[in-house]
Amino acid sequence: MKIVIQIAYGIVLVAALHAGVVGLFEINIIDSVFGMEGFLSRILAVFSGFAALVLIVTYVRGGCVCKQTRSCTSCCGAKE
């Protein structure tokens, strides 16, 4: 599960940087690089939304997405 959380952090980071560049400079890097007007940006938005939900659930559960009540270093590395 730790790898899912790391991937979620990566997706949210890329989406945040993309949103920052679009907001500050009005340059859509993803559309410019791949040449698909809005399609890949929408996919990035959907993935970043799912990734954010994973991170929110992880945060609410105290750093672990499993339902163990004790330290779950075996599944995601979180400590009590």
C-alpha atoms as a PDB file:
ATOM      1  CA  MET A   1       0.000   0.000   0.000  1.00  0.00           C
ATOM      2  CA  LYS A   2       2.984   2.263   0.528  1.00  0.00           C
ATOM      3  CA  ILE A   3       3.619   2.375  -3.226  1.00  0.00           C
ATOM      4  CA  VAL A   4       0.024   3.538  -3.858  1.00  0.00           C
ATOM      5  CA  ILE A   5       0.523   6.422  -1.445  1.00  0.00           C
ATOM      6  CA  GLN A   6       3.829   7.372  -3.095  1.00  0.00           C
ATOM      7  CA  ILE A   7       2.198   7.318  -6.543  1.00  0.00           C
ATOM      8  CA  ALA A   8      -0.660   9.453  -5.195  1.00  0.00           C
ATOM      9  CA  TYR A   9       1.839  12.021  -3.887  1.00  0.00           C
ATOM     10  CA  GLY A  10       3.538  12.090  -7.288  1.00  0.00           C
ATOM     11  CA  ILE A  11       0.285  12.607  -9.186  1.00  0.00           C
ATOM     12  CA  VAL A  12      -0.862  15.361  -6.834  1.00  0.00           C
ATOM     13  CA  LEU A  13       2.546  17.060  -7.137  1.00  0.00           C
ATOM     14  CA  VAL A  14       2.462  17.006 -10.959  1.00  0.00           C
ATOM     15  CA  ALA A  15      -1.141  18.254 -11.005  1.00  0.00           C
ATOM     16  CA  ALA A  16      -0.321  21.067  -8.574  1.00  0.00           C
ATOM     17  CA  LEU A  17       2.662  22.177 -10.643  1.00  0.00           C
ATOM     18  CA  HIS A  18       0.549  22.031 -13.804  1.00  0.00           C
ATOM     19  CA  ALA A  19      -2.193  24.124 -12.194  1.00  0.00           C
ATOM     20  CA  GLY A  20       0.381  26.639 -10.977  1.00  0.00           C
ATOM     21  CA  VAL A  21       1.908  27.089 -14.420  1.00  0.00           C
ATOM     22  CA  VAL A  22      -1.525  27.440 -16.021  1.00  0.00           C
ATOM     23  CA  GLY A  23      -2.615  29.942 -13.379  1.00  0.00           C
ATOM     24  CA  LEU A  24       0.522  32.067 -13.402  1.00  0.00           C
ATOM     25  CA  PHE A  25       1.575  32.012 -17.034  1.00  0.00           C
ATOM     26  CA  GLU A  26      -1.555  30.813 -18.882  1.00  0.00           C
ATOM     27  CA  ILE A  27       0.540  28.097 -20.527  1.00  0.00           C
ATOM     28  CA  ASN A  28      -0.901  24.600 -20.611  1.00  0.00           C
ATOM     29  CA  ILE A  29       2.239  22.470 -20.768  1.00  0.00           C
ATOM     30  CA  ILE A  30       0.409  19.166 -21.200  1.00  0.00           C
ATOM     31  CA  ASP A  31      -1.615  20.419 -24.155  1.00  0.00           C
ATOM     32  CA  SER A  32       1.506  22.007 -25.680  1.00  0.00           C
ATOM     33  CA  VAL A  33       3.642  18.876 -25.376  1.00  0.00           C
ATOM     34  CA  PHE A  34       1.059  16.293 -26.435  1.00  0.00           C
ATOM     35  CA  GLY A  35      -1.030  18.478 -28.751  1.00  0.00           C
ATOM     36  CA  MET A  36      -4.391  17.252 -27.493  1.00  0.00           C
ATOM     37  CA  GLU A  37      -6.596  20.191 -26.545  1.00  0.00           C
ATOM     38  CA  GLY A  38      -7.908  19.595 -23.045  1.00  0.00           C
ATOM     39  CA  PHE A  39      -8.148  15.785 -23.193  1.00  0.00           C
ATOM     40  CA  LEU A  40      -4.977  14.993 -21.246  1.00  0.00           C
ATOM     41  CA  SER A  41      -5.600  17.877 -18.874  1.00  0.00           C
ATOM     42  CA  ARG A  42      -8.976  16.365 -17.983  1.00  0.00           C
ATOM     43  CA  ILE A  43      -7.375  12.953 -17.456  1.00  0.00           C
ATOM     44  CA  LEU A  44      -4.754  14.550 -15.202  1.00  0.00           C
ATOM     45  CA  ALA A  45      -7.539  16.281 -13.260  1.00  0.00           C
ATOM     46  CA  VAL A  46      -9.413  12.994 -12.761  1.00  0.00           C
ATOM     47  CA  PHE A  47      -6.286  11.120 -11.636  1.00  0.00           C
ATOM     48  CA  SER A  48      -5.284  13.939  -9.321  1.00  0.00           C
ATOM     49  CA  GLY A  49      -8.778  13.883  -7.816  1.00  0.00           C
ATOM     50  CA  PHE A  50      -8.527  10.160  -7.110  1.00  0.00           C
ATOM     51  CA  ALA A  51      -5.002  10.609  -5.751  1.00  0.00           C
ATOM     52  CA  ALA A  52      -6.183  13.395  -3.471  1.00  0.00           C
ATOM     53  CA  LEU A  53      -8.954  11.143  -2.150  1.00  0.00           C
ATOM     54  CA  VAL A  54      -6.381   8.435  -1.383  1.00  0.00           C
ATOM     55  CA  LEU A  55      -4.267  10.955   0.506  1.00  0.00           C
ATOM     56  CA  ILE A  56      -7.287  12.301   2.412  1.00  0.00           C
ATOM     57  CA  VAL A  57      -8.319   8.787   3.478  1.00  0.00           C
ATOM     58  CA  THR A  58      -4.732   8.070   4.485  1.00  0.00           C
ATOM     59  CA  TYR A  59      -4.589  11.246   6.565  1.00  0.00           C
ATOM     60  CA  VAL A  60      -7.952  10.614   8.258  1.00  0.00           C
ATOM     61  CA  ARG A  61      -6.899   7.091   9.193  1.00  0.00           C
ATOM     62  CA  GLY A  62      -3.722   8.343  10.800  1.00  0.00           C
ATOM     63  CA  GLY A  63      -1.300   7.673   7.967  1.00  0.00           C
ATOM     64  CA  CYS A  64      -2.486   4.183   7.069  1.00  0.00           C
ATOM     65  CA  VAL A  65      -5.091   3.004   4.594  1.00  0.00           C
ATOM     66  CA  CYS A  66      -5.472  -0.407   6.183  1.00  0.00           C
ATOM     67  CA  LYS A  67      -7.763  -0.950   9.157  1.00  0.00           C
ATOM     68  CA  GLN A  68      -5.193  -2.261  11.622  1.00  0.00           C
ATOM     69  CA  THR A  69      -5.371  -0.705  15.054  1.00  0.00           C
ATOM     70  CA  ARG A  70      -1.704  -1.106  15.870  1.00  0.00           C
ATOM     71  CA  SER A  71       1.399  -0.053  13.985  1.00  0.00           C
ATOM     72  CA  CYS A  72       1.102  -1.177  10.386  1.00  0.00           C
ATOM     73  CA  THR A  73       4.690  -1.026   9.240  1.00  0.00           C
ATOM     74  CA  SER A  74       4.144  -4.241   7.282  1.00  0.00           C
ATOM     75  CA  CYS A  75       1.614  -2.718   4.855  1.00  0.00           C
ATOM     76  CA  CYS A  76       2.336   0.986   4.489  1.00  0.00           C
ATOM     77  CA  GLY A  77       5.095   1.926   6.888  1.00  0.00           C
ATOM     78  CA  ALA A  78       2.997   4.157   9.142  1.00  0.00           C
ATOM     79  CA  LYS A  79       3.713   4.196  12.852  1.00  0.00           C
ATOM     80  CA  GLU A  80       1.401   4.843  15.755  1.00  0.00           C
END
